[in-house]
Amino acid sequence: MRAFLWLFDTLISIYIWLVIAQIVMSWLIQFGIVNARQPFVMQLGEFLYRVTEPALGPIRRRLPNLGGIDISPMILLIALYFIRILMHDLFGSLARAL
């Protein structure tokens, strides 16, 4: 049981870092620090978009229009941390008992 809890925690941690990378990448492109037409930047941006958009899309559709501010990544990060802590609370004691 401890192995599954570790695996779940690791997968959530990796996804959190991918969301953070998507945020940073969008800022770097938006402020003109990196060229979005460069092949490596384009591939990295497309990968991060494809990985994070299935979770961010439904959140964006439910949020009201806040102008140019996108808070959906922050809501996703809070939800991921909540799920992570909830899994440790629910299954951590069970894993320690085994």
C-alpha atoms as a PDB file:
ATOM      1  CA  MET A   1       0.000   0.000   0.000  1.00  0.00           C
ATOM      2  CA  ARG A   2       2.867   2.345   0.764  1.00  0.00           C
ATOM      3  CA  ALA A   3       4.201   1.875  -2.773  1.00  0.00           C
ATOM      4  CA  PHE A   4       0.889   2.969  -4.318  1.00  0.00           C
ATOM      5  CA  LEU A   5       0.738   6.006  -2.059  1.00  0.00           C
ATOM      6  CA  TRP A   6       4.306   6.915  -3.062  1.00  0.00           C
ATOM      7  CA  LEU A   7       3.482   6.447  -6.760  1.00  0.00           C
ATOM      8  CA  PHE A   8       0.340   8.584  -6.498  1.00  0.00           C
ATOM      9  CA  ASP A   9       2.234  11.284  -4.612  1.00  0.00           C
ATOM     10  CA  THR A  10       5.041  11.262  -7.191  1.00  0.00           C
ATOM     11  CA  LEU A  11       2.627  11.524 -10.122  1.00  0.00           C
ATOM     12  CA  ILE A  12       0.835  14.457  -8.529  1.00  0.00           C
ATOM     13  CA  SER A  13       4.189  16.141  -7.827  1.00  0.00           C
ATOM     14  CA  ILE A  14       5.262  15.740 -11.447  1.00  0.00           C
ATOM     15  CA  TYR A  15       1.947  17.168 -12.665  1.00  0.00           C
ATOM     16  CA  ILE A  16       2.306  20.127 -10.292  1.00  0.00           C
ATOM     17  CA  TRP A  17       5.724  20.873 -11.802  1.00  0.00           C
ATOM     18  CA  LEU A  18       4.291  20.589 -15.325  1.00  0.00           C
ATOM     19  CA  VAL A  19       1.580  23.130 -14.458  1.00  0.00           C
ATOM     20  CA  ILE A  20       4.214  25.472 -13.025  1.00  0.00           C
ATOM     21  CA  ALA A  21       6.322  25.019 -16.183  1.00  0.00           C
ATOM     22  CA  GLN A  22       3.257  25.873 -18.296  1.00  0.00           C
ATOM     23  CA  ILE A  23       2.724  29.058 -16.272  1.00  0.00           C
ATOM     24  CA  VAL A  24       6.359  30.133 -16.621  1.00  0.00           C
ATOM     25  CA  MET A  25       6.429  29.277 -20.323  1.00  0.00           C
ATOM     26  CA  SER A  26       3.293  31.315 -21.018  1.00  0.00           C
ATOM     27  CA  TRP A  27       4.778  34.301 -19.152  1.00  0.00           C
ATOM     28  CA  LEU A  28       8.073  34.044 -21.052  1.00  0.00           C
ATOM     29  CA  ILE A  29       6.239  33.968 -24.378  1.00  0.00           C
ATOM     30  CA  GLN A  30       3.804  36.727 -23.367  1.00  0.00           C
ATOM     31  CA  PHE A  31       6.565  39.118 -22.298  1.00  0.00           C
ATOM     32  CA  GLY A  32       8.644  38.373 -25.402  1.00  0.00           C
ATOM     33  CA  ILE A  33      11.582  36.819 -23.556  1.00  0.00           C
ATOM     34  CA  VAL A  34      11.528  33.679 -25.689  1.00  0.00           C
ATOM     35  CA  ASN A  35      10.538  33.405 -29.334  1.00  0.00           C
ATOM     36  CA  ALA A  36       7.462  31.195 -29.682  1.00  0.00           C
ATOM     37  CA  ARG A  37       8.372  30.435 -33.315  1.00  0.00           C
ATOM     38  CA  GLN A  38      11.630  28.748 -32.372  1.00  0.00           C
ATOM     39  CA  PRO A  39      11.227  24.954 -32.926  1.00  0.00           C
ATOM     40  CA  PHE A  40      12.279  23.835 -29.427  1.00  0.00           C
ATOM     41  CA  VAL A  41      10.118  26.455 -27.712  1.00  0.00           C
ATOM     42  CA  MET A  42       7.206  25.536 -29.963  1.00  0.00           C
ATOM     43  CA  GLN A  43       7.535  21.816 -29.167  1.00  0.00           C
ATOM     44  CA  LEU A  44       7.914  22.424 -25.439  1.00  0.00           C
ATOM     45  CA  GLY A  45       4.930  24.779 -25.406  1.00  0.00           C
ATOM     46  CA  GLU A  46       2.798  22.307 -27.342  1.00  0.00           C
ATOM     47  CA  PHE A  47       3.762  19.472 -24.985  1.00  0.00           C
ATOM     48  CA  LEU A  48       2.963  21.515 -21.876  1.00  0.00           C
ATOM     49  CA  TYR A  49      -0.325  22.677 -23.398  1.00  0.00           C
ATOM     50  CA  ARG A  50      -1.414  19.131 -24.279  1.00  0.00           C
ATOM     51  CA  VAL A  51      -0.526  17.826 -20.825  1.00  0.00           C
ATOM     52  CA  THR A  52      -2.125  20.605 -18.767  1.00  0.00           C
ATOM     53  CA  GLU A  53      -5.098  21.680 -20.874  1.00  0.00           C
ATOM     54  CA  PRO A  54      -7.332  18.653 -20.050  1.00  0.00           C
ATOM     55  CA  ALA A  55      -7.292  19.765 -16.410  1.00  0.00           C
ATOM     56  CA  LEU A  56      -7.232  23.530 -16.982  1.00  0.00           C
ATOM     57  CA  GLY A  57      -9.917  23.660 -19.682  1.00  0.00           C
ATOM     58  CA  PRO A  58     -12.897  22.681 -17.500  1.00  0.00           C
ATOM     59  CA  ILE A  59     -11.746  25.074 -14.778  1.00  0.00           C
ATOM     60  CA  ARG A  60     -11.492  27.946 -17.288  1.00  0.00           C
ATOM     61  CA  ARG A  61     -14.984  27.245 -18.628  1.00  0.00           C
ATOM     62  CA  ARG A  62     -16.494  27.494 -15.145  1.00  0.00           C
ATOM     63  CA  LEU A  63     -14.684  30.686 -14.103  1.00  0.00           C
ATOM     64  CA  PRO A  64     -16.114  34.111 -14.860  1.00  0.00           C
ATOM     65  CA  ASN A  65     -14.238  36.373 -17.251  1.00  0.00           C
ATOM     66  CA  LEU A  66     -11.627  38.282 -15.244  1.00  0.00           C
ATOM     67  CA  GLY A  67     -10.206  40.205 -18.175  1.00  0.00           C
ATOM     68  CA  GLY A  68      -6.624  39.217 -18.931  1.00  0.00           C
ATOM     69  CA  ILE A  69      -6.094  37.361 -15.656  1.00  0.00           C
ATOM     70  CA  ASP A  70      -6.150  33.559 -15.740  1.00  0.00           C
ATOM     71  CA  ILE A  71      -6.409  32.078 -12.252  1.00  0.00           C
ATOM     72  CA  SER A  72      -7.236  28.551 -13.412  1.00  0.00           C
ATOM     73  CA  PRO A  73      -3.655  27.268 -12.840  1.00  0.00           C
ATOM     74  CA  MET A  74      -3.787  28.519  -9.243  1.00  0.00           C
ATOM     75  CA  ILE A  75      -7.101  26.748  -8.657  1.00  0.00           C
ATOM     76  CA  LEU A  76      -5.686  23.560 -10.196  1.00  0.00           C
ATOM     77  CA  LEU A  77      -2.572  23.730  -7.999  1.00  0.00           C
ATOM     78  CA  ILE A  78      -4.682  24.208  -4.868  1.00  0.00           C
ATOM     79  CA  ALA A  79      -6.868  21.248  -5.876  1.00  0.00           C
ATOM     80  CA  LEU A  80      -3.831  19.045  -6.540  1.00  0.00           C
ATOM     81  CA  TYR A  81      -2.293  19.899  -3.173  1.00  0.00           C
ATOM     82  CA  PHE A  82      -5.651  19.229  -1.498  1.00  0.00           C
ATOM     83  CA  ILE A  83      -5.929  15.803  -3.179  1.00  0.00           C
ATOM     84  CA  ARG A  84      -2.355  15.008  -2.216  1.00  0.00           C
ATOM     85  CA  ILE A  85      -2.917  15.850   1.461  1.00  0.00           C
ATOM     86  CA  LEU A  86      -6.285  14.073   1.475  1.00  0.00           C
ATOM     87  CA  MET A  87      -4.715  10.880   0.123  1.00  0.00           C
ATOM     88  CA  HIS A  88      -2.013  11.016   2.791  1.00  0.00           C
ATOM     89  CA  ASP A  89      -4.620  11.501   5.503  1.00  0.00           C
ATOM     90  CA  LEU A  90      -6.911   8.749   4.240  1.00  0.00           C
ATOM     91  CA  PHE A  91      -4.381   6.120   3.237  1.00  0.00           C
ATOM     92  CA  GLY A  92      -1.280   7.117   5.189  1.00  0.00           C
ATOM     93  CA  SER A  93      -2.477   5.548   8.423  1.00  0.00           C
ATOM     94  CA  LEU A  94      -3.575   2.443   6.531  1.00  0.00           C
ATOM     95  CA  ALA A  95      -0.173   2.171   4.846  1.00  0.00           C
ATOM     96  CA  ARG A  96       1.621   2.539   8.195  1.00  0.00           C
ATOM     97  CA  ALA A  97      -0.563  -0.155   9.741  1.00  0.00           C
ATOM     98  CA  LEU A  98       0.396  -2.694   7.091  1.00  0.00           C
END
